[in-house]
Amino acid sequence: MTSFGSWPEDFRSGFACFVGRPNAGKSTLTNALIGQKIAITSSRPQTTRHAIRGILHRPDAQLVVVDTPGLHKPRTLLGSRLNDVVRETWAEVDVIGFCVPADQPVGRGDEFIINELKSVAARTPVLGVVTKTDKARPEQIAERLTQMTELMEFADIVPCSAKSGDQVGLLSDLLVARLPEGPPLYPDGELTDEPEETLVAELVREAALEGVRDELPHSIAVTVQEMIPREDRPPNDPMLDVHATIFVERSSQKGIVIGHKGERLRQVGTDARRQIEALLGTKVFLDLHVTVAKDWQRDPRQLRKLGF
């Protein structure tokens, strides 16, 4: 692996990931640690599809955060592929953060993940992370911490809030302390090694999921056909043309995404464009199309085509 510039002798660098049931606050926590929106963070469970790596640069360390989908009992081929991604990630990182939201009791979904985690805990340290403390009362947080100690023997347990930033710095310190000593793995200033098209597709997908009925999350996939700088723009005012397709599984879902007289799709375009412009630092013209790819979650050929 390439290293960059000079660094202190006791510099640490390595990989961490957060695991937990869907909606445990993993993506929001990644974004709070890195300080920029990277992983897709819709309020719908099960929305992170790719192991997007965010990179935290500190004077004493470089922490590469791999954001995994939520581990769950799979019902479709896509679900089992997502679970494979999670397990592969666990095998390759230096430290794992197991996330449980402070405002919800520990349940069977958490126990399912803990049973899987116990197989790696012998060689990879696992931190217990109680998330969303801003949403919980002190006695709820205390109860969650007690429940965590009963689940398994964690290397450390820390309550924090990604939203308020409370104890996010402490979590960063605890993760860094478990990284091996070594030079930086990525150049300073890089926040993610995902291709821009992947990040743009995720932002479109996030916007398409917002405010949509609960049955839709798994049914939406997005691909970016092309991203081309517009030729007739002055050099001091560039614009990027982005052409993307939103795939759904049934024509009824297409109607939900497009909305009455196309209103919803226009809103999706506006929200996504704002996020893409912030990510890429340039004006964007976003062209969106909605297409039905029948039952793509259960079809290996379609899954490959859509990048899974």
C-alpha atoms as a PDB file:
ATOM      1  CA  MET A   1       0.000   0.000   0.000  1.00  0.00           C
ATOM      2  CA  THR A   2       1.297   3.458  -0.881  1.00  0.00           C
ATOM      3  CA  SER A   3       2.160   5.900   1.927  1.00  0.00           C
ATOM      4  CA  PHE A   4       2.240   9.689   1.699  1.00  0.00           C
ATOM      5  CA  GLY A   5       4.455  12.471   3.116  1.00  0.00           C
ATOM      6  CA  SER A   6       6.044  12.368   6.569  1.00  0.00           C
ATOM      7  CA  TRP A   7       4.228  11.220   9.694  1.00  0.00           C
ATOM      8  CA  PRO A   8       5.002  10.856  13.433  1.00  0.00           C
ATOM      9  CA  GLU A   9       6.710   7.645  14.572  1.00  0.00           C
ATOM     10  CA  ASP A  10       3.709   6.418  16.563  1.00  0.00           C
ATOM     11  CA  PHE A  11       1.207   7.252  13.772  1.00  0.00           C
ATOM     12  CA  ARG A  12      -1.643   4.753  13.474  1.00  0.00           C
ATOM     13  CA  SER A  13      -3.657   3.820  10.410  1.00  0.00           C
ATOM     14  CA  GLY A  14      -6.231   1.193   9.592  1.00  0.00           C
ATOM     15  CA  PHE A  15      -9.824   0.232   8.937  1.00  0.00           C
ATOM     16  CA  ALA A  16     -12.942   0.341  11.110  1.00  0.00           C
ATOM     17  CA  CYS A  17     -16.561  -0.499  10.419  1.00  0.00           C
ATOM     18  CA  PHE A  18     -19.877  -0.056  12.183  1.00  0.00           C
ATOM     19  CA  VAL A  19     -22.378  -2.880  12.338  1.00  0.00           C
ATOM     20  CA  GLY A  20     -25.875  -3.109  13.730  1.00  0.00           C
ATOM     21  CA  ARG A  21     -29.423  -3.786  12.686  1.00  0.00           C
ATOM     22  CA  PRO A  22     -30.940  -1.496  10.027  1.00  0.00           C
ATOM     23  CA  ASN A  23     -31.496   2.097  11.231  1.00  0.00           C
ATOM     24  CA  ALA A  24     -29.084   1.802  14.182  1.00  0.00           C
ATOM     25  CA  GLY A  25     -27.440   5.106  13.149  1.00  0.00           C
ATOM     26  CA  LYS A  26     -24.333   3.701  11.449  1.00  0.00           C
ATOM     27  CA  SER A  27     -24.250   5.985   8.385  1.00  0.00           C
ATOM     28  CA  THR A  28     -24.995   9.145  10.392  1.00  0.00           C
ATOM     29  CA  LEU A  29     -22.199   8.192  12.789  1.00  0.00           C
ATOM     30  CA  THR A  30     -19.774   7.686   9.871  1.00  0.00           C
ATOM     31  CA  ASN A  31     -20.675  11.147   8.554  1.00  0.00           C
ATOM     32  CA  ALA A  32     -20.233  12.719  12.023  1.00  0.00           C
ATOM     33  CA  LEU A  33     -16.778  11.138  12.384  1.00  0.00           C
ATOM     34  CA  ILE A  34     -15.598  12.162   8.902  1.00  0.00           C
ATOM     35  CA  GLY A  35     -17.298  15.564   8.956  1.00  0.00           C
ATOM     36  CA  GLN A  36     -18.875  15.321   5.494  1.00  0.00           C
ATOM     37  CA  LYS A  37     -21.897  13.523   4.106  1.00  0.00           C
ATOM     38  CA  ILE A  38     -20.662  10.318   2.471  1.00  0.00           C
ATOM     39  CA  ALA A  39     -22.854   7.301   3.144  1.00  0.00           C
ATOM     40  CA  ILE A  40     -26.520   7.472   2.187  1.00  0.00           C
ATOM     41  CA  THR A  41     -28.533   8.375   5.333  1.00  0.00           C
ATOM     42  CA  SER A  42     -32.245   8.087   4.667  1.00  0.00           C
ATOM     43  CA  SER A  43     -34.583   7.572   7.610  1.00  0.00           C
ATOM     44  CA  ARG A  44     -35.589   4.245   5.980  1.00  0.00           C
ATOM     45  CA  PRO A  45     -33.900   1.072   7.267  1.00  0.00           C
ATOM     46  CA  GLN A  46     -31.720  -0.960   4.900  1.00  0.00           C
ATOM     47  CA  THR A  47     -30.686   1.958   2.682  1.00  0.00           C
ATOM     48  CA  THR A  48     -26.884   1.620   2.585  1.00  0.00           C
ATOM     49  CA  ARG A  49     -25.924  -0.653  -0.288  1.00  0.00           C
ATOM     50  CA  HIS A  50     -22.198  -0.140  -0.815  1.00  0.00           C
ATOM     51  CA  ALA A  51     -19.279  -0.432   1.592  1.00  0.00           C
ATOM     52  CA  ILE A  52     -18.446   3.262   1.207  1.00  0.00           C
ATOM     53  CA  ARG A  53     -15.219   4.211   2.918  1.00  0.00           C
ATOM     54  CA  GLY A  54     -14.902   7.573   4.599  1.00  0.00           C
ATOM     55  CA  ILE A  55     -11.440   8.659   5.708  1.00  0.00           C
ATOM     56  CA  LEU A  56     -10.757  10.515   8.963  1.00  0.00           C
ATOM     57  CA  HIS A  57      -7.441  12.395   8.892  1.00  0.00           C
ATOM     58  CA  ARG A  58      -5.939  13.285  12.298  1.00  0.00           C
ATOM     59  CA  PRO A  59      -2.437  14.515  13.200  1.00  0.00           C
ATOM     60  CA  ASP A  60      -1.816  11.179  14.954  1.00  0.00           C
ATOM     61  CA  ALA A  61      -3.813   8.759  12.800  1.00  0.00           C
ATOM     62  CA  GLN A  62      -5.782   7.920   9.700  1.00  0.00           C
ATOM     63  CA  LEU A  63      -8.994   6.012  10.264  1.00  0.00           C
ATOM     64  CA  VAL A  64     -10.716   4.529   7.212  1.00  0.00           C
ATOM     65  CA  VAL A  65     -14.386   3.882   8.017  1.00  0.00           C
ATOM     66  CA  VAL A  66     -16.119   1.206   5.973  1.00  0.00           C
ATOM     67  CA  ASP A  67     -19.874   1.619   6.047  1.00  0.00           C
ATOM     68  CA  THR A  68     -21.713  -1.703   5.683  1.00  0.00           C
ATOM     69  CA  PRO A  69     -25.408  -2.443   5.042  1.00  0.00           C
ATOM     70  CA  GLY A  70     -27.398  -3.603   8.073  1.00  0.00           C
ATOM     71  CA  LEU A  71     -27.099  -7.340   8.714  1.00  0.00           C
ATOM     72  CA  HIS A  72     -30.524  -9.008   8.668  1.00  0.00           C
ATOM     73  CA  LYS A  73     -32.177 -12.356   7.963  1.00  0.00           C
ATOM     74  CA  PRO A  74     -32.270 -12.313   4.155  1.00  0.00           C
ATOM     75  CA  ARG A  75     -35.552 -12.725   2.269  1.00  0.00           C
ATOM     76  CA  THR A  76     -34.214 -12.158  -1.246  1.00  0.00           C
ATOM     77  CA  LEU A  77     -31.053 -12.816  -3.233  1.00  0.00           C
ATOM     78  CA  LEU A  78     -30.152  -9.134  -2.806  1.00  0.00           C
ATOM     79  CA  GLY A  79     -30.547  -9.486   0.968  1.00  0.00           C
ATOM     80  CA  SER A  80     -28.140 -12.428   1.130  1.00  0.00           C
ATOM     81  CA  ARG A  81     -25.626 -10.592  -1.111  1.00  0.00           C
ATOM     82  CA  LEU A  82     -25.754  -7.599   1.231  1.00  0.00           C
ATOM     83  CA  ASN A  83     -25.072  -9.925   4.185  1.00  0.00           C
ATOM     84  CA  ASP A  84     -22.052 -11.389   2.343  1.00  0.00           C
ATOM     85  CA  VAL A  85     -20.698  -7.840   1.948  1.00  0.00           C
ATOM     86  CA  VAL A  86     -21.009  -7.341   5.726  1.00  0.00           C
ATOM     87  CA  ARG A  87     -19.154 -10.553   6.607  1.00  0.00           C
ATOM     88  CA  GLU A  88     -16.373  -9.900   4.085  1.00  0.00           C
ATOM     89  CA  THR A  89     -15.907  -6.428   5.571  1.00  0.00           C
ATOM     90  CA  TRP A  90     -15.644  -7.780   9.137  1.00  0.00           C
ATOM     91  CA  ALA A  91     -12.875 -10.128   8.079  1.00  0.00           C
ATOM     92  CA  GLU A  92     -10.728  -7.268   6.771  1.00  0.00           C
ATOM     93  CA  VAL A  93     -11.005  -4.446   9.350  1.00  0.00           C
ATOM     94  CA  ASP A  94      -8.910  -3.654  12.455  1.00  0.00           C
ATOM     95  CA  VAL A  95     -11.773  -2.666  14.768  1.00  0.00           C
ATOM     96  CA  ILE A  96     -15.573  -3.038  14.716  1.00  0.00           C
ATOM     97  CA  GLY A  97     -18.177  -0.773  16.314  1.00  0.00           C
ATOM     98  CA  PHE A  98     -21.444  -2.564  17.169  1.00  0.00           C
ATOM     99  CA  CYS A  99     -24.253   0.042  17.197  1.00  0.00           C
ATOM    100  CA  VAL A 100     -27.472  -0.035  19.197  1.00  0.00           C
ATOM    101  CA  PRO A 101     -29.811   2.995  19.314  1.00  0.00           C
ATOM    102  CA  ALA A 102     -30.316   4.391  22.837  1.00  0.00           C
ATOM    103  CA  ASP A 103     -34.039   4.976  22.280  1.00  0.00           C
ATOM    104  CA  GLN A 104     -34.914   1.374  21.367  1.00  0.00           C
ATOM    105  CA  PRO A 105     -34.566  -1.796  23.484  1.00  0.00           C
ATOM    106  CA  VAL A 106     -32.052  -4.447  22.470  1.00  0.00           C
ATOM    107  CA  GLY A 107     -33.946  -7.062  20.460  1.00  0.00           C
ATOM    108  CA  ARG A 108     -33.614 -10.317  18.567  1.00  0.00           C
ATOM    109  CA  GLY A 109     -32.100  -8.545  15.569  1.00  0.00           C
ATOM    110  CA  ASP A 110     -29.224  -7.357  17.769  1.00  0.00           C
ATOM    111  CA  GLU A 111     -28.731 -10.839  19.238  1.00  0.00           C
ATOM    112  CA  PHE A 112     -28.601 -12.294  15.701  1.00  0.00           C
ATOM    113  CA  ILE A 113     -25.733  -9.912  14.842  1.00  0.00           C
ATOM    114  CA  ILE A 114     -23.936 -10.498  18.170  1.00  0.00           C
ATOM    115  CA  ASN A 115     -23.924 -14.258  17.497  1.00  0.00           C
ATOM    116  CA  GLU A 116     -22.258 -13.555  14.144  1.00  0.00           C
ATOM    117  CA  LEU A 117     -19.825 -11.072  15.755  1.00  0.00           C
ATOM    118  CA  LYS A 118     -18.649 -13.516  18.405  1.00  0.00           C
ATOM    119  CA  SER A 119     -16.893 -15.498  15.671  1.00  0.00           C
ATOM    120  CA  VAL A 120     -14.602 -12.516  14.855  1.00  0.00           C
ATOM    121  CA  ALA A 121     -14.293 -10.993  18.359  1.00  0.00           C
ATOM    122  CA  ALA A 122     -11.346 -13.276  19.222  1.00  0.00           C
ATOM    123  CA  ARG A 123      -9.145 -11.628  16.564  1.00  0.00           C
ATOM    124  CA  THR A 124     -10.832  -8.227  15.971  1.00  0.00           C
ATOM    125  CA  PRO A 125     -11.698  -5.884  18.874  1.00  0.00           C
ATOM    126  CA  VAL A 126     -15.406  -4.981  19.025  1.00  0.00           C
ATOM    127  CA  LEU A 127     -16.576  -1.701  20.626  1.00  0.00           C
ATOM    128  CA  GLY A 128     -20.154  -1.348  21.872  1.00  0.00           C
ATOM    129  CA  VAL A 129     -21.606   1.953  20.614  1.00  0.00           C
ATOM    130  CA  VAL A 130     -24.900   3.272  22.013  1.00  0.00           C
ATOM    131  CA  THR A 131     -26.093   5.729  19.337  1.00  0.00           C
ATOM    132  CA  LYS A 132     -28.776   8.461  19.208  1.00  0.00           C
ATOM    133  CA  THR A 133     -28.347   9.456  22.874  1.00  0.00           C
ATOM    134  CA  ASP A 134     -29.935  12.830  21.953  1.00  0.00           C
ATOM    135  CA  LYS A 135     -33.233  10.964  21.423  1.00  0.00           C
ATOM    136  CA  ALA A 136     -33.177   9.078  24.732  1.00  0.00           C
ATOM    137  CA  ARG A 137     -33.756   9.843  28.411  1.00  0.00           C
ATOM    138  CA  PRO A 138     -30.811   9.241  30.832  1.00  0.00           C
ATOM    139  CA  GLU A 139     -32.483   6.137  32.275  1.00  0.00           C
ATOM    140  CA  GLN A 140     -32.928   4.696  28.744  1.00  0.00           C
ATOM    141  CA  ILE A 141     -29.218   5.223  28.053  1.00  0.00           C
ATOM    142  CA  ALA A 142     -28.311   3.535  31.364  1.00  0.00           C
ATOM    143  CA  GLU A 143     -30.602   0.594  30.526  1.00  0.00           C
ATOM    144  CA  ARG A 144     -29.035   0.259  27.060  1.00  0.00           C
ATOM    145  CA  LEU A 145     -25.502   0.280  28.526  1.00  0.00           C
ATOM    146  CA  THR A 146     -26.505  -2.484  30.958  1.00  0.00           C
ATOM    147  CA  GLN A 147     -28.033  -4.530  28.132  1.00  0.00           C
ATOM    148  CA  MET A 148     -24.829  -4.106  26.109  1.00  0.00           C
ATOM    149  CA  THR A 149     -22.680  -5.565  28.893  1.00  0.00           C
ATOM    150  CA  GLU A 150     -24.983  -8.619  28.946  1.00  0.00           C
ATOM    151  CA  LEU A 151     -24.750  -9.217  25.168  1.00  0.00           C
ATOM    152  CA  MET A 152     -21.013  -9.942  24.988  1.00  0.00           C
ATOM    153  CA  GLU A 153     -17.645  -8.808  26.317  1.00  0.00           C
ATOM    154  CA  PHE A 154     -16.844  -5.618  24.382  1.00  0.00           C
ATOM    155  CA  ALA A 155     -13.372  -4.065  24.220  1.00  0.00           C
ATOM    156  CA  ASP A 156     -15.100  -0.830  25.344  1.00  0.00           C
ATOM    157  CA  ILE A 157     -18.616   0.644  25.459  1.00  0.00           C
ATOM    158  CA  VAL A 158     -19.369   4.277  24.581  1.00  0.00           C
ATOM    159  CA  PRO A 159     -22.662   6.205  24.360  1.00  0.00           C
ATOM    160  CA  CYS A 160     -22.695   9.018  21.768  1.00  0.00           C
ATOM    161  CA  SER A 161     -24.849  11.229  19.568  1.00  0.00           C
ATOM    162  CA  ALA A 162     -23.895  11.803  15.932  1.00  0.00           C
ATOM    163  CA  LYS A 163     -26.511  14.550  15.749  1.00  0.00           C
ATOM    164  CA  SER A 164     -25.240  16.690  18.649  1.00  0.00           C
ATOM    165  CA  GLY A 165     -21.630  15.487  18.333  1.00  0.00           C
ATOM    166  CA  ASP A 166     -21.628  14.392  21.987  1.00  0.00           C
ATOM    167  CA  GLN A 167     -18.756  11.902  22.633  1.00  0.00           C
ATOM    168  CA  VAL A 168     -18.046  11.427  18.897  1.00  0.00           C
ATOM    169  CA  GLY A 169     -14.470  12.604  19.610  1.00  0.00           C
ATOM    170  CA  LEU A 170     -14.131   9.983  22.359  1.00  0.00           C
ATOM    171  CA  LEU A 171     -15.386   7.278  19.993  1.00  0.00           C
ATOM    172  CA  SER A 172     -12.808   8.434  17.431  1.00  0.00           C
ATOM    173  CA  ASP A 173     -10.054   8.103  20.088  1.00  0.00           C
ATOM    174  CA  LEU A 174     -11.206   4.615  21.106  1.00  0.00           C
ATOM    175  CA  LEU A 175     -11.270   3.417  17.479  1.00  0.00           C
ATOM    176  CA  VAL A 176      -7.852   4.944  16.698  1.00  0.00           C
ATOM    177  CA  ALA A 177      -6.315   3.339  19.829  1.00  0.00           C
ATOM    178  CA  ARG A 178      -7.048  -0.067  18.326  1.00  0.00           C
ATOM    179  CA  LEU A 179      -5.439   0.582  14.936  1.00  0.00           C
ATOM    180  CA  PRO A 180      -1.980  -0.790  14.155  1.00  0.00           C
ATOM    181  CA  GLU A 181       0.968   1.616  13.961  1.00  0.00           C
ATOM    182  CA  GLY A 182       1.850   2.506  10.397  1.00  0.00           C
ATOM    183  CA  PRO A 183       1.922   5.237   7.725  1.00  0.00           C
ATOM    184  CA  PRO A 184      -1.207   6.854   6.205  1.00  0.00           C
ATOM    185  CA  LEU A 185      -2.965   4.691   3.615  1.00  0.00           C
ATOM    186  CA  TYR A 186      -4.555   7.508   1.594  1.00  0.00           C
ATOM    187  CA  PRO A 187      -3.419  11.035   0.614  1.00  0.00           C
ATOM    188  CA  ASP A 188      -4.477  13.822   2.976  1.00  0.00           C
ATOM    189  CA  GLY A 189      -7.731  15.460   1.918  1.00  0.00           C
ATOM    190  CA  GLU A 190      -9.290  12.336   0.407  1.00  0.00           C
ATOM    191  CA  LEU A 191     -12.580  11.556   2.080  1.00  0.00           C
ATOM    192  CA  THR A 192     -13.674   8.469   0.178  1.00  0.00           C
ATOM    193  CA  ASP A 193     -12.311   6.122  -2.450  1.00  0.00           C
ATOM    194  CA  GLU A 194     -15.712   5.406  -3.984  1.00  0.00           C
ATOM    195  CA  PRO A 195     -16.021   6.491  -7.635  1.00  0.00           C
ATOM    196  CA  GLU A 196     -17.996   9.739  -8.011  1.00  0.00           C
ATOM    197  CA  GLU A 197     -20.683   7.954 -10.049  1.00  0.00           C
ATOM    198  CA  THR A 198     -21.368   5.609  -7.102  1.00  0.00           C
ATOM    199  CA  LEU A 199     -21.735   8.509  -4.671  1.00  0.00           C
ATOM    200  CA  VAL A 200     -23.974  10.425  -7.096  1.00  0.00           C
ATOM    201  CA  ALA A 201     -26.169   7.329  -7.588  1.00  0.00           C
ATOM    202  CA  GLU A 202     -26.440   6.941  -3.789  1.00  0.00           C
ATOM    203  CA  LEU A 203     -27.505  10.593  -3.383  1.00  0.00           C
ATOM    204  CA  VAL A 204     -30.208  10.189  -6.051  1.00  0.00           C
ATOM    205  CA  ARG A 205     -31.345   6.989  -4.324  1.00  0.00           C
ATOM    206  CA  GLU A 206     -31.497   8.747  -0.954  1.00  0.00           C
ATOM    207  CA  ALA A 207     -33.634  11.550  -2.384  1.00  0.00           C
ATOM    208  CA  ALA A 208     -35.932   9.004  -4.093  1.00  0.00           C
ATOM    209  CA  LEU A 209     -36.436   7.137  -0.786  1.00  0.00           C
ATOM    210  CA  GLU A 210     -37.325  10.151   1.345  1.00  0.00           C
ATOM    211  CA  GLY A 211     -40.994  10.242   2.308  1.00  0.00           C
ATOM    212  CA  VAL A 212     -41.863   7.118   0.318  1.00  0.00           C
ATOM    213  CA  ARG A 213     -43.958   4.338   1.782  1.00  0.00           C
ATOM    214  CA  ASP A 214     -42.228   1.640   3.802  1.00  0.00           C
ATOM    215  CA  GLU A 215     -42.506  -1.095   1.168  1.00  0.00           C
ATOM    216  CA  LEU A 216     -40.273   0.751  -1.281  1.00  0.00           C
ATOM    217  CA  PRO A 217     -36.685   0.880   0.175  1.00  0.00           C
ATOM    218  CA  HIS A 218     -35.409  -2.397  -1.226  1.00  0.00           C
ATOM    219  CA  SER A 219     -37.164  -1.827  -4.534  1.00  0.00           C
ATOM    220  CA  ILE A 220     -35.157   1.200  -5.677  1.00  0.00           C
ATOM    221  CA  ALA A 221     -31.777   1.045  -7.400  1.00  0.00           C
ATOM    222  CA  VAL A 222     -30.034   3.873  -9.269  1.00  0.00           C
ATOM    223  CA  THR A 223     -27.406   3.832 -12.008  1.00  0.00           C
ATOM    224  CA  VAL A 224     -25.610   6.845 -13.472  1.00  0.00           C
ATOM    225  CA  GLN A 225     -25.363   6.565 -17.263  1.00  0.00           C
ATOM    226  CA  GLU A 226     -23.016   9.501 -17.767  1.00  0.00           C
ATOM    227  CA  MET A 227     -21.530  12.606 -16.160  1.00  0.00           C
ATOM    228  CA  ILE A 228     -20.225  15.053 -18.782  1.00  0.00           C
ATOM    229  CA  PRO A 229     -19.000  18.641 -18.398  1.00  0.00           C
ATOM    230  CA  ARG A 230     -21.171  20.952 -20.526  1.00  0.00           C
ATOM    231  CA  GLU A 231     -19.116  22.355 -23.397  1.00  0.00           C
ATOM    232  CA  ASP A 232     -20.689  25.771 -23.932  1.00  0.00           C
ATOM    233  CA  ARG A 233     -20.050  27.100 -20.391  1.00  0.00           C
ATOM    234  CA  PRO A 234     -17.541  29.842 -19.479  1.00  0.00           C
ATOM    235  CA  PRO A 235     -14.459  28.471 -17.593  1.00  0.00           C
ATOM    236  CA  ASN A 236     -15.420  30.355 -14.395  1.00  0.00           C
ATOM    237  CA  ASP A 237     -18.966  28.883 -14.385  1.00  0.00           C
ATOM    238  CA  PRO A 238     -18.761  25.169 -15.309  1.00  0.00           C
ATOM    239  CA  MET A 239     -21.740  22.829 -15.295  1.00  0.00           C
ATOM    240  CA  LEU A 240     -21.959  19.037 -15.217  1.00  0.00           C
ATOM    241  CA  ASP A 241     -24.714  17.115 -17.044  1.00  0.00           C
ATOM    242  CA  VAL A 242     -25.685  14.036 -15.033  1.00  0.00           C
ATOM    243  CA  HIS A 243     -27.989  11.391 -16.549  1.00  0.00           C
ATOM    244  CA  ALA A 244     -29.332   8.812 -14.091  1.00  0.00           C
ATOM    245  CA  THR A 245     -31.970   6.072 -14.068  1.00  0.00           C
ATOM    246  CA  ILE A 246     -34.051   5.045 -11.064  1.00  0.00           C
ATOM    247  CA  PHE A 247     -35.051   1.359 -11.270  1.00  0.00           C
ATOM    248  CA  VAL A 248     -38.147   0.027  -9.504  1.00  0.00           C
ATOM    249  CA  GLU A 249     -39.612  -3.497  -9.552  1.00  0.00           C
ATOM    250  CA  ARG A 250     -43.233  -2.803 -10.525  1.00  0.00           C
ATOM    251  CA  SER A 251     -45.144  -0.170 -12.493  1.00  0.00           C
ATOM    252  CA  SER A 252     -47.186   0.714  -9.356  1.00  0.00           C
ATOM    253  CA  GLN A 253     -43.904   1.690  -7.676  1.00  0.00           C
ATOM    254  CA  LYS A 254     -42.986   3.809 -10.699  1.00  0.00           C
ATOM    255  CA  GLY A 255     -46.145   5.836 -10.048  1.00  0.00           C
ATOM    256  CA  ILE A 256     -45.152   6.359  -6.396  1.00  0.00           C
ATOM    257  CA  VAL A 257     -41.674   7.593  -7.338  1.00  0.00           C
ATOM    258  CA  ILE A 258     -42.929   9.941 -10.070  1.00  0.00           C
ATOM    259  CA  GLY A 259     -45.907  11.244  -8.054  1.00  0.00           C
ATOM    260  CA  HIS A 260     -48.943  13.278  -9.157  1.00  0.00           C
ATOM    261  CA  LYS A 261     -48.122  15.003 -12.459  1.00  0.00           C
ATOM    262  CA  GLY A 262     -44.423  14.291 -11.879  1.00  0.00           C
ATOM    263  CA  GLU A 263     -44.284  16.477  -8.748  1.00  0.00           C
ATOM    264  CA  ARG A 264     -42.457  13.935  -6.608  1.00  0.00           C
ATOM    265  CA  LEU A 265     -39.786  13.190  -9.220  1.00  0.00           C
ATOM    266  CA  ARG A 266     -39.163  16.937  -9.614  1.00  0.00           C
ATOM    267  CA  GLN A 267     -38.665  17.191  -5.831  1.00  0.00           C
ATOM    268  CA  VAL A 268     -36.329  14.167  -5.915  1.00  0.00           C
ATOM    269  CA  GLY A 269     -34.330  15.918  -8.672  1.00  0.00           C
ATOM    270  CA  THR A 270     -34.104  19.181  -6.733  1.00  0.00           C
ATOM    271  CA  ASP A 271     -33.012  17.483  -3.482  1.00  0.00           C
ATOM    272  CA  ALA A 272     -30.491  15.205  -5.204  1.00  0.00           C
ATOM    273  CA  ARG A 273     -29.063  18.029  -7.328  1.00  0.00           C
ATOM    274  CA  ARG A 274     -28.413  20.146  -4.216  1.00  0.00           C
ATOM    275  CA  GLN A 275     -26.525  17.251  -2.575  1.00  0.00           C
ATOM    276  CA  ILE A 276     -24.560  16.404  -5.751  1.00  0.00           C
ATOM    277  CA  GLU A 277     -23.514  20.048  -6.212  1.00  0.00           C
ATOM    278  CA  ALA A 278     -22.292  20.136  -2.595  1.00  0.00           C
ATOM    279  CA  LEU A 279     -20.360  16.897  -3.133  1.00  0.00           C
ATOM    280  CA  LEU A 280     -18.741  17.829  -6.460  1.00  0.00           C
ATOM    281  CA  GLY A 281     -18.416  21.591  -5.929  1.00  0.00           C
ATOM    282  CA  THR A 282     -19.930  22.474  -9.318  1.00  0.00           C
ATOM    283  CA  LYS A 283     -23.322  23.341 -10.838  1.00  0.00           C
ATOM    284  CA  VAL A 284     -25.225  20.277 -12.000  1.00  0.00           C
ATOM    285  CA  PHE A 285     -27.998  19.621 -14.506  1.00  0.00           C
ATOM    286  CA  LEU A 286     -29.654  16.387 -13.366  1.00  0.00           C
ATOM    287  CA  ASP A 287     -31.703  14.338 -15.828  1.00  0.00           C
ATOM    288  CA  LEU A 288     -33.699  11.554 -14.146  1.00  0.00           C
ATOM    289  CA  HIS A 289     -35.642   8.662 -15.678  1.00  0.00           C
ATOM    290  CA  VAL A 290     -37.696   5.995 -13.893  1.00  0.00           C
ATOM    291  CA  THR A 291     -37.687   2.460 -15.333  1.00  0.00           C
ATOM    292  CA  VAL A 292     -39.300  -0.819 -14.265  1.00  0.00           C
ATOM    293  CA  ALA A 293     -36.836  -3.762 -13.971  1.00  0.00           C
ATOM    294  CA  LYS A 294     -39.213  -6.541 -12.968  1.00  0.00           C
ATOM    295  CA  ASP A 295     -38.289  -8.257  -9.658  1.00  0.00           C
ATOM    296  CA  TRP A 296     -34.646  -7.202  -9.983  1.00  0.00           C
ATOM    297  CA  GLN A 297     -33.873  -8.135  -6.375  1.00  0.00           C
ATOM    298  CA  ARG A 298     -34.431 -11.842  -7.116  1.00  0.00           C
ATOM    299  CA  ASP A 299     -32.767 -11.960 -10.540  1.00  0.00           C
ATOM    300  CA  PRO A 300     -28.977 -12.599 -10.524  1.00  0.00           C
ATOM    301  CA  ARG A 301     -28.556 -11.119 -14.016  1.00  0.00           C
ATOM    302  CA  GLN A 302     -30.355  -7.877 -13.104  1.00  0.00           C
ATOM    303  CA  LEU A 303     -28.433  -7.662  -9.800  1.00  0.00           C
ATOM    304  CA  ARG A 304     -25.122  -7.852 -11.679  1.00  0.00           C
ATOM    305  CA  LYS A 305     -26.280  -5.205 -14.137  1.00  0.00           C
ATOM    306  CA  LEU A 306     -27.217  -2.888 -11.263  1.00  0.00           C
ATOM    307  CA  GLY A 307     -23.842  -3.376  -9.577  1.00  0.00           C
ATOM    308  CA  PHE A 308     -24.568  -5.899  -6.799  1.00  0.00           C
END
